[in-house]
């Protein structure tokens, strides 16, 4: 019994302490994951398709472990021990939690089989979510972007020196991710070596994603791609697919030579737009200029910012095209959210294992 406290506001009655043999857990919010996993029968789905994998642990349990670990605040394989206590293991009915060495070996052994299966499962989950939240969207904007995952060891496969703006010269991985703008769904991830170019593997992947969306019933598909994806081959592939696109173009001198004369904006006198043609598509440019007058009263303009967008959307104004492109910047927030969950933090000496 805790004695009364008459000097505090509220009831001054003493508190009677009671205890039970029940186990407390700080992972009660994970019940939603457990219920969803069981409702959709994800474990049986994975085990049926990965029955040939050797090992003591069922593939579905190993996948479930990692999903739960990320949502429980872990991210390194050493954090697996968190799941063996505080009631989490009992919450999910696991008999045991593998140690980090066992889990790392499983990642390397299972990647070739499970990576395509999980990609298929992710797409199935997205479709089922659409079915219960209003049906398949008729229009979707597909966003592709890459990110850099820094590595500090020397034995992680694919950890190579490449584009790494935060830590130049540091080995890294360079995964490519796909999202939808309107529904904020992640449609997949391709894990790549740090030396991979932004657009490496992007064209065949875009073809596969567009085919999936069309089979699902999405009629109008728009691609939003940053300047790392710009190339003649990419433009030809997008035209062949028959999708709309907004592709940012680097501000190179030869690109500017394809543009016509500048026209001032009616709403903002600091903004100017230019248009031209490149690779059979419309090249649109937006410039922010600063007006200056010298001592002789001669007026001139200094270009402060310039953005170029290549699109096949007919009749769209350069400012509208730039706004449509900027609307896809949400992909950077989605990637940041995944990073905050610890996605991709763990590394093993196998590129496929990192992908898994």
Protein backbone atom coordinates (compact mmCIF):
# COMPACT_ATOMS: atom_id res chain seq x y z
CA UNK A 1 0.00 0.00 0.00
CA UNK A 2 1.16 3.52 -0.88
CA UNK A 3 0.22 6.09 1.73
CA UNK A 4 -2.14 9.00 1.12
CA UNK A 5 -0.90 12.39 -0.15
CA UNK A 6 -3.26 15.05 1.18
CA UNK A 7 -1.11 17.92 -0.13
CA UNK A 8 -1.71 17.14 -3.83
CA UNK A 9 -4.74 18.07 -5.92
CA UNK A 10 -7.27 15.28 -6.43
CA UNK A 11 -8.10 12.26 -4.31
CA UNK A 12 -6.00 11.87 -1.16
CA UNK A 13 -6.96 8.21 -0.71
CA UNK A 14 -4.12 5.67 -0.53
CA UNK A 15 -3.37 3.40 -3.50
CA UNK A 16 -3.70 -0.34 -3.05
CA UNK A 17 -1.09 -2.27 -5.00
CA UNK A 18 -1.99 -5.46 -6.80
CA UNK A 19 0.10 -7.75 -8.95
CA UNK A 20 -0.46 -10.80 -11.11
CA UNK A 21 1.62 -13.45 -12.82
CA UNK A 22 0.74 -12.04 -16.26
CA UNK A 23 3.55 -10.90 -18.55
CA UNK A 24 3.70 -7.22 -19.47
CA UNK A 25 4.90 -6.05 -22.90
CA UNK A 26 5.73 -2.71 -24.46
CA UNK A 27 4.98 -4.16 -27.92
CA UNK A 28 1.19 -4.08 -27.69
CA UNK A 29 0.97 -1.99 -30.85
CA UNK A 30 2.47 -4.90 -32.78
CA UNK A 31 -0.82 -6.76 -32.33
CA UNK A 32 -2.01 -4.97 -35.47
CA UNK A 33 0.85 -6.55 -37.45
CA UNK A 34 0.07 -9.97 -35.98
CA UNK A 35 -3.63 -9.67 -36.86
CA UNK A 36 -2.92 -8.43 -40.39
CA UNK A 37 -0.33 -11.14 -40.99
CA UNK A 38 -2.76 -13.85 -39.89
CA UNK A 39 -5.80 -12.34 -41.62
CA UNK A 40 -4.03 -12.24 -44.99
CA UNK A 41 -2.41 -15.64 -44.35
CA UNK A 42 0.99 -14.28 -45.37
CA UNK A 43 2.95 -17.00 -43.56
CA UNK A 44 1.31 -19.84 -45.45
CA UNK A 45 1.65 -17.91 -48.73
CA UNK A 46 5.42 -17.58 -48.26
CA UNK A 47 6.03 -21.11 -46.97
CA UNK A 48 4.21 -22.71 -49.91
CA UNK A 49 6.36 -20.87 -52.43
CA UNK A 50 9.66 -21.23 -50.55
CA UNK A 51 9.30 -24.83 -49.43
CA UNK A 52 12.57 -25.84 -51.10
CA UNK A 53 14.70 -23.60 -48.90
CA UNK A 54 16.84 -25.60 -46.46
CA UNK A 55 17.23 -24.74 -42.81
CA UNK A 56 15.65 -25.11 -39.43
CA UNK A 57 13.55 -21.94 -39.50
CA UNK A 58 10.49 -21.45 -41.69
CA UNK A 59 10.99 -18.66 -44.29
CA UNK A 60 7.77 -16.93 -43.25
CA UNK A 61 8.95 -16.69 -39.64
CA UNK A 62 12.27 -15.18 -40.66
CA UNK A 63 10.52 -12.54 -42.79
CA UNK A 64 8.02 -11.84 -40.02
CA UNK A 65 10.85 -11.44 -37.51
CA UNK A 66 12.49 -8.68 -39.50
CA UNK A 67 9.26 -6.78 -40.20
CA UNK A 68 8.47 -6.84 -36.48
CA UNK A 69 12.02 -5.84 -35.55
CA UNK A 70 11.90 -2.72 -37.75
CA UNK A 71 8.57 -1.63 -36.26
CA UNK A 72 9.83 -2.39 -32.75
CA UNK A 73 12.71 0.03 -33.19
CA UNK A 74 15.50 -2.34 -34.21
CA UNK A 75 17.54 -2.32 -37.38
CA UNK A 76 20.76 -4.24 -36.79
CA UNK A 77 20.95 -8.00 -36.60
CA UNK A 78 22.26 -7.62 -33.05
CA UNK A 79 18.82 -6.17 -32.19
CA UNK A 80 17.18 -9.55 -32.77
CA UNK A 81 17.69 -10.30 -29.09
CA UNK A 82 15.09 -7.61 -28.32
CA UNK A 83 12.41 -9.89 -29.73
CA UNK A 84 13.20 -12.67 -27.28
CA UNK A 85 12.09 -10.73 -24.22
CA UNK A 86 9.49 -8.26 -22.92
CA UNK A 87 6.66 -10.44 -24.16
CA UNK A 88 7.22 -9.92 -27.89
CA UNK A 89 8.16 -13.54 -28.60
CA UNK A 90 5.08 -14.76 -26.76
CA UNK A 91 2.93 -12.18 -28.56
CA UNK A 92 3.79 -13.77 -31.91
CA UNK A 93 4.04 -17.36 -30.72
CA UNK A 94 7.67 -17.86 -31.70
CA UNK A 95 9.40 -20.74 -29.95
CA UNK A 96 12.82 -19.17 -30.43
CA UNK A 97 14.53 -16.16 -32.02
CA UNK A 98 17.62 -16.89 -34.15
CA UNK A 99 20.93 -15.32 -33.23
CA UNK A 100 22.51 -12.75 -35.61
CA UNK A 101 24.98 -15.23 -37.15
CA UNK A 102 22.20 -17.67 -38.01
CA UNK A 103 20.07 -14.89 -39.46
CA UNK A 104 22.93 -13.56 -41.59
CA UNK A 105 23.60 -17.01 -43.04
CA UNK A 106 19.90 -17.37 -43.81
CA UNK A 107 19.88 -14.01 -45.65
CA UNK A 108 22.72 -15.07 -47.92
CA UNK A 109 21.23 -18.52 -48.57
CA UNK A 110 17.65 -17.44 -49.21
CA UNK A 111 17.97 -14.24 -51.23
CA UNK A 112 17.81 -15.79 -54.72
CA UNK A 113 14.53 -17.52 -53.89
CA UNK A 114 12.84 -15.00 -51.62
CA UNK A 115 13.63 -11.63 -53.24
CA UNK A 116 11.32 -12.21 -56.27
CA UNK A 117 8.70 -13.78 -53.97
CA UNK A 118 8.65 -10.78 -51.64
CA UNK A 119 8.45 -8.46 -54.63
CA UNK A 120 5.38 -10.37 -55.80
CA UNK A 121 3.93 -10.36 -52.27
CA UNK A 122 4.42 -6.60 -51.91
CA UNK A 123 2.49 -6.01 -55.13
CA UNK A 124 -0.30 -8.35 -53.97
CA UNK A 125 -0.58 -6.43 -50.68
CA UNK A 126 -0.82 -3.11 -52.53
CA UNK A 127 -3.61 -4.45 -54.74
CA UNK A 128 -5.54 -5.84 -51.77
CA UNK A 129 -5.22 -2.55 -49.94
CA UNK A 130 -6.65 -0.75 -52.97
CA UNK A 131 -9.60 -3.14 -53.01
CA UNK A 132 -10.64 -2.23 -49.46
CA UNK A 133 -9.98 1.51 -49.76
CA UNK A 134 -12.09 2.44 -52.77
CA UNK A 135 -10.82 0.27 -55.60
CA UNK A 136 -7.91 0.45 -58.03
CA UNK A 137 -7.03 4.07 -58.94
CA UNK A 138 -7.69 4.96 -62.57
CA UNK A 139 -4.78 7.43 -62.63
CA UNK A 140 -1.43 7.07 -60.93
CA UNK A 141 1.89 8.89 -60.91
CA UNK A 142 4.86 6.55 -60.60
CA UNK A 143 7.88 8.03 -58.84
CA UNK A 144 11.36 6.53 -59.09
CA UNK A 145 14.29 7.74 -57.03
CA UNK A 146 17.54 6.38 -55.63
CA UNK A 147 19.18 6.82 -52.27
CA UNK A 148 22.61 6.22 -50.76
CA UNK A 149 23.11 3.81 -47.85
CA UNK A 150 26.53 4.32 -46.28
CA UNK A 151 28.62 1.33 -45.29
CA UNK A 152 31.52 1.27 -42.87
CA UNK A 153 32.87 -2.28 -43.23
CA UNK A 154 35.02 -3.69 -45.99
CA UNK A 155 33.35 -7.08 -46.46
CA UNK A 156 29.82 -6.10 -47.51
CA UNK A 157 29.22 -7.18 -51.10
CA UNK A 158 28.43 -4.29 -53.41
CA UNK A 159 29.66 -1.68 -50.91
CA UNK A 160 31.66 0.31 -53.43
CA UNK A 161 32.73 3.89 -53.84
CA UNK A 162 30.25 5.87 -55.89
CA UNK A 163 27.90 8.82 -55.58
CA UNK A 164 27.94 9.60 -51.86
CA UNK A 165 27.35 13.33 -51.23
CA UNK A 166 27.35 13.10 -47.42
CA UNK A 167 30.53 11.03 -47.07
CA UNK A 168 32.54 11.32 -50.30
CA UNK A 169 34.80 8.33 -50.84
CA UNK A 170 32.93 6.17 -48.33
CA UNK A 171 31.71 2.78 -49.65
CA UNK A 172 27.94 2.59 -50.00
CA UNK A 173 25.00 0.84 -51.59
CA UNK A 174 22.77 2.65 -54.08
CA UNK A 175 19.22 1.20 -54.01
CA UNK A 176 16.47 2.29 -56.39
CA UNK A 177 12.90 2.65 -55.08
CA UNK A 178 9.47 3.11 -56.67
CA UNK A 179 6.42 4.79 -55.12
CA UNK A 180 3.01 6.05 -56.18
CA UNK A 181 2.30 9.74 -55.59
CA UNK A 182 -1.46 9.55 -55.06
CA UNK A 183 -1.59 6.49 -52.76
CA UNK A 184 1.92 6.65 -51.22
CA UNK A 185 2.52 2.94 -51.84
CA UNK A 186 6.01 1.47 -52.19
CA UNK A 187 5.95 -0.73 -55.30
CA UNK A 188 9.40 -2.20 -54.90
CA UNK A 189 13.12 -1.83 -54.28
CA UNK A 190 16.15 -2.80 -56.33
CA UNK A 191 19.34 -3.11 -54.27
CA UNK A 192 22.47 -2.11 -56.16
CA UNK A 193 26.19 -1.65 -55.64
CA UNK A 194 27.41 1.80 -54.60
CA UNK A 195 29.04 2.40 -57.98
CA UNK A 196 25.76 1.90 -59.87
CA UNK A 197 24.49 4.86 -61.88
CA UNK A 198 21.14 6.31 -60.87
CA UNK A 199 19.42 4.83 -63.93
CA UNK A 200 21.06 1.38 -63.88
CA UNK A 201 18.32 -1.23 -64.26
CA UNK A 202 15.61 1.44 -64.36
CA UNK A 203 14.26 0.90 -67.89
CA UNK A 204 13.38 -2.83 -67.60
CA UNK A 205 12.02 -2.20 -64.10
CA UNK A 206 9.78 0.62 -65.35
CA UNK A 207 8.45 -1.70 -68.06
CA UNK A 208 7.62 -4.31 -65.44
CA UNK A 209 5.94 -1.81 -63.10
CA UNK A 210 3.87 -0.23 -65.88
CA UNK A 211 2.74 -3.67 -67.04
CA UNK A 212 1.64 -4.55 -63.49
CA UNK A 213 -0.29 -1.32 -63.05
CA UNK A 214 -2.09 -1.75 -66.37
CA UNK A 215 -3.02 -5.35 -65.60
CA UNK A 216 -4.45 -4.12 -62.29
CA UNK A 217 -6.70 -1.62 -64.10
CA UNK A 218 -4.77 1.68 -63.93
CA UNK A 219 -5.59 3.48 -67.19
CA UNK A 220 -3.49 6.66 -67.02
CA UNK A 221 0.12 6.32 -65.83
CA UNK A 222 2.50 9.24 -65.43
CA UNK A 223 6.23 8.88 -64.70
CA UNK A 224 8.16 11.45 -62.67
CA UNK A 225 11.95 11.07 -62.94
CA UNK A 226 14.80 13.28 -61.82
CA UNK A 227 17.79 14.28 -63.95
CA UNK A 228 19.77 11.16 -63.04
CA UNK A 229 17.44 9.17 -65.33
CA UNK A 230 17.80 11.51 -68.32
CA UNK A 231 18.99 9.85 -71.51
CA UNK A 232 17.77 9.32 -75.07
CA UNK A 233 17.22 5.62 -74.31
CA UNK A 234 14.97 6.49 -71.36
CA UNK A 235 12.88 8.89 -73.46
CA UNK A 236 12.48 6.28 -76.20
CA UNK A 237 11.45 3.65 -73.65
CA UNK A 238 8.82 5.94 -72.11
CA UNK A 239 7.43 6.81 -75.54
CA UNK A 240 7.27 3.12 -76.43
CA UNK A 241 5.31 2.40 -73.23
CA UNK A 242 2.79 5.11 -74.08
CA UNK A 243 2.91 6.78 -70.66
CA UNK A 244 2.97 10.46 -69.80
CA UNK A 245 6.18 11.66 -68.21
CA UNK A 246 7.92 14.60 -66.57
CA UNK A 247 11.69 14.10 -66.80
CA UNK A 248 14.04 16.66 -65.32
CA UNK A 249 16.89 17.57 -67.68
CA UNK A 250 20.36 18.74 -66.58
CA UNK A 251 21.12 22.40 -67.29
CA UNK A 252 23.79 21.73 -69.88
CA UNK A 253 24.79 24.28 -72.51
CA UNK A 254 23.77 22.07 -75.43
CA UNK A 255 20.36 21.54 -73.78
CA UNK A 256 19.81 25.31 -73.53
CA UNK A 257 20.67 25.62 -77.22
CA UNK A 258 17.50 23.62 -78.01
CA UNK A 259 15.30 26.22 -76.30
CA UNK A 260 13.60 29.20 -77.92
CA UNK A 261 13.40 32.78 -76.70
CA UNK A 262 12.28 33.61 -73.16
CA UNK A 263 8.79 34.86 -72.38
CA UNK A 264 7.96 36.69 -69.14
CA UNK A 265 5.27 35.40 -66.82
CA UNK A 266 2.13 37.51 -66.47
CA UNK A 267 1.79 36.74 -62.75
CA UNK A 268 5.41 37.02 -61.64
CA UNK A 269 7.74 39.39 -63.49
CA UNK A 270 10.78 37.56 -62.15
CA UNK A 271 9.82 34.33 -63.90
CA UNK A 272 10.53 33.59 -67.56
CA UNK A 273 9.73 30.47 -69.59
CA UNK A 274 11.24 28.94 -72.70
CA UNK A 275 10.29 25.96 -74.83
CA UNK A 276 11.83 23.75 -77.47
CA UNK A 277 12.05 20.17 -78.71
CA UNK A 278 14.42 17.38 -77.69
CA UNK A 279 14.29 13.70 -78.72
CA UNK A 280 10.80 14.28 -80.14
CA UNK A 281 9.41 15.55 -76.81
CA UNK A 282 8.70 19.04 -75.47
CA UNK A 283 11.62 20.67 -73.67
CA UNK A 284 10.34 23.29 -71.23
CA UNK A 285 12.40 25.64 -69.11
CA UNK A 286 11.59 28.00 -66.24
CA UNK A 287 14.04 30.74 -65.24
CA UNK A 288 14.08 33.07 -62.26
CA UNK A 289 15.81 36.30 -63.23
CA UNK A 290 16.92 39.42 -61.38
CA UNK A 291 16.63 42.76 -63.13
CA UNK A 292 19.63 45.09 -62.81
CA UNK A 293 20.34 48.59 -64.11
CA UNK A 294 23.95 49.81 -64.42
CA UNK A 295 25.29 53.35 -63.98
CA UNK A 296 24.47 54.21 -67.60
CA UNK A 297 20.85 53.17 -67.13
CA UNK A 298 21.23 50.05 -69.25
CA UNK A 299 18.86 47.29 -68.12
CA UNK A 300 19.95 43.65 -67.97
CA UNK A 301 18.77 40.38 -66.45
CA UNK A 302 20.76 37.90 -64.39
CA UNK A 303 19.50 34.30 -64.37
CA UNK A 304 19.41 33.12 -60.74
CA UNK A 305 17.77 29.70 -61.16
CA UNK A 306 16.84 27.53 -64.11
CA UNK A 307 14.92 24.24 -64.32
CA UNK A 308 14.38 22.14 -67.44
CA UNK A 309 11.69 19.49 -67.84
CA UNK A 310 11.13 17.12 -70.76
CA UNK A 311 7.53 15.99 -71.24
CA UNK A 312 5.17 14.51 -73.83
CA UNK A 313 2.10 16.22 -72.36
CA UNK A 314 0.69 18.41 -75.10
CA UNK A 315 -0.22 22.02 -74.44
CA UNK A 316 1.04 22.21 -70.86
CA UNK A 317 2.69 25.50 -69.86
CA UNK A 318 6.33 25.34 -68.67
CA UNK A 319 5.33 26.62 -65.20
CA UNK A 320 2.58 24.00 -64.92
CA UNK A 321 5.00 21.26 -66.01
CA UNK A 322 7.52 22.35 -63.38
CA UNK A 323 4.84 22.34 -60.68
CA UNK A 324 3.74 18.84 -61.75
CA UNK A 325 7.32 17.65 -61.51
CA UNK A 326 7.79 19.25 -58.08
CA UNK A 327 4.63 17.57 -56.79
CA UNK A 328 6.52 14.28 -57.01
CA UNK A 329 9.12 15.38 -54.46
CA UNK A 330 7.06 13.41 -51.91
CA UNK A 331 9.17 10.39 -52.91
CA UNK A 332 12.07 11.86 -50.92
CA UNK A 333 9.89 11.96 -47.80
CA UNK A 334 8.87 8.33 -48.32
CA UNK A 335 12.50 7.24 -48.62
CA UNK A 336 13.35 9.21 -45.48
CA UNK A 337 10.52 7.49 -43.60
CA UNK A 338 11.85 4.07 -44.61
CA UNK A 339 15.31 5.10 -43.46
CA UNK A 340 13.91 6.17 -40.08
CA UNK A 341 12.50 2.65 -39.72
CA UNK A 342 15.98 1.24 -40.19
CA UNK A 343 15.31 -0.21 -43.64
CA UNK A 344 18.62 -1.08 -45.30
CA UNK A 345 20.73 -0.40 -42.23
CA UNK A 346 21.89 -3.98 -41.76
CA UNK A 347 24.55 -5.30 -44.12
CA UNK A 348 25.84 -8.77 -44.92
CA UNK A 349 28.57 -9.84 -47.34
CA UNK A 350 26.08 -10.68 -50.08
CA UNK A 351 24.27 -8.21 -52.33
CA UNK A 352 21.19 -10.43 -52.62
CA UNK A 353 21.06 -10.80 -48.84
CA UNK A 354 21.05 -7.01 -48.48
CA UNK A 355 18.27 -6.81 -51.06
CA UNK A 356 16.21 -9.31 -49.08
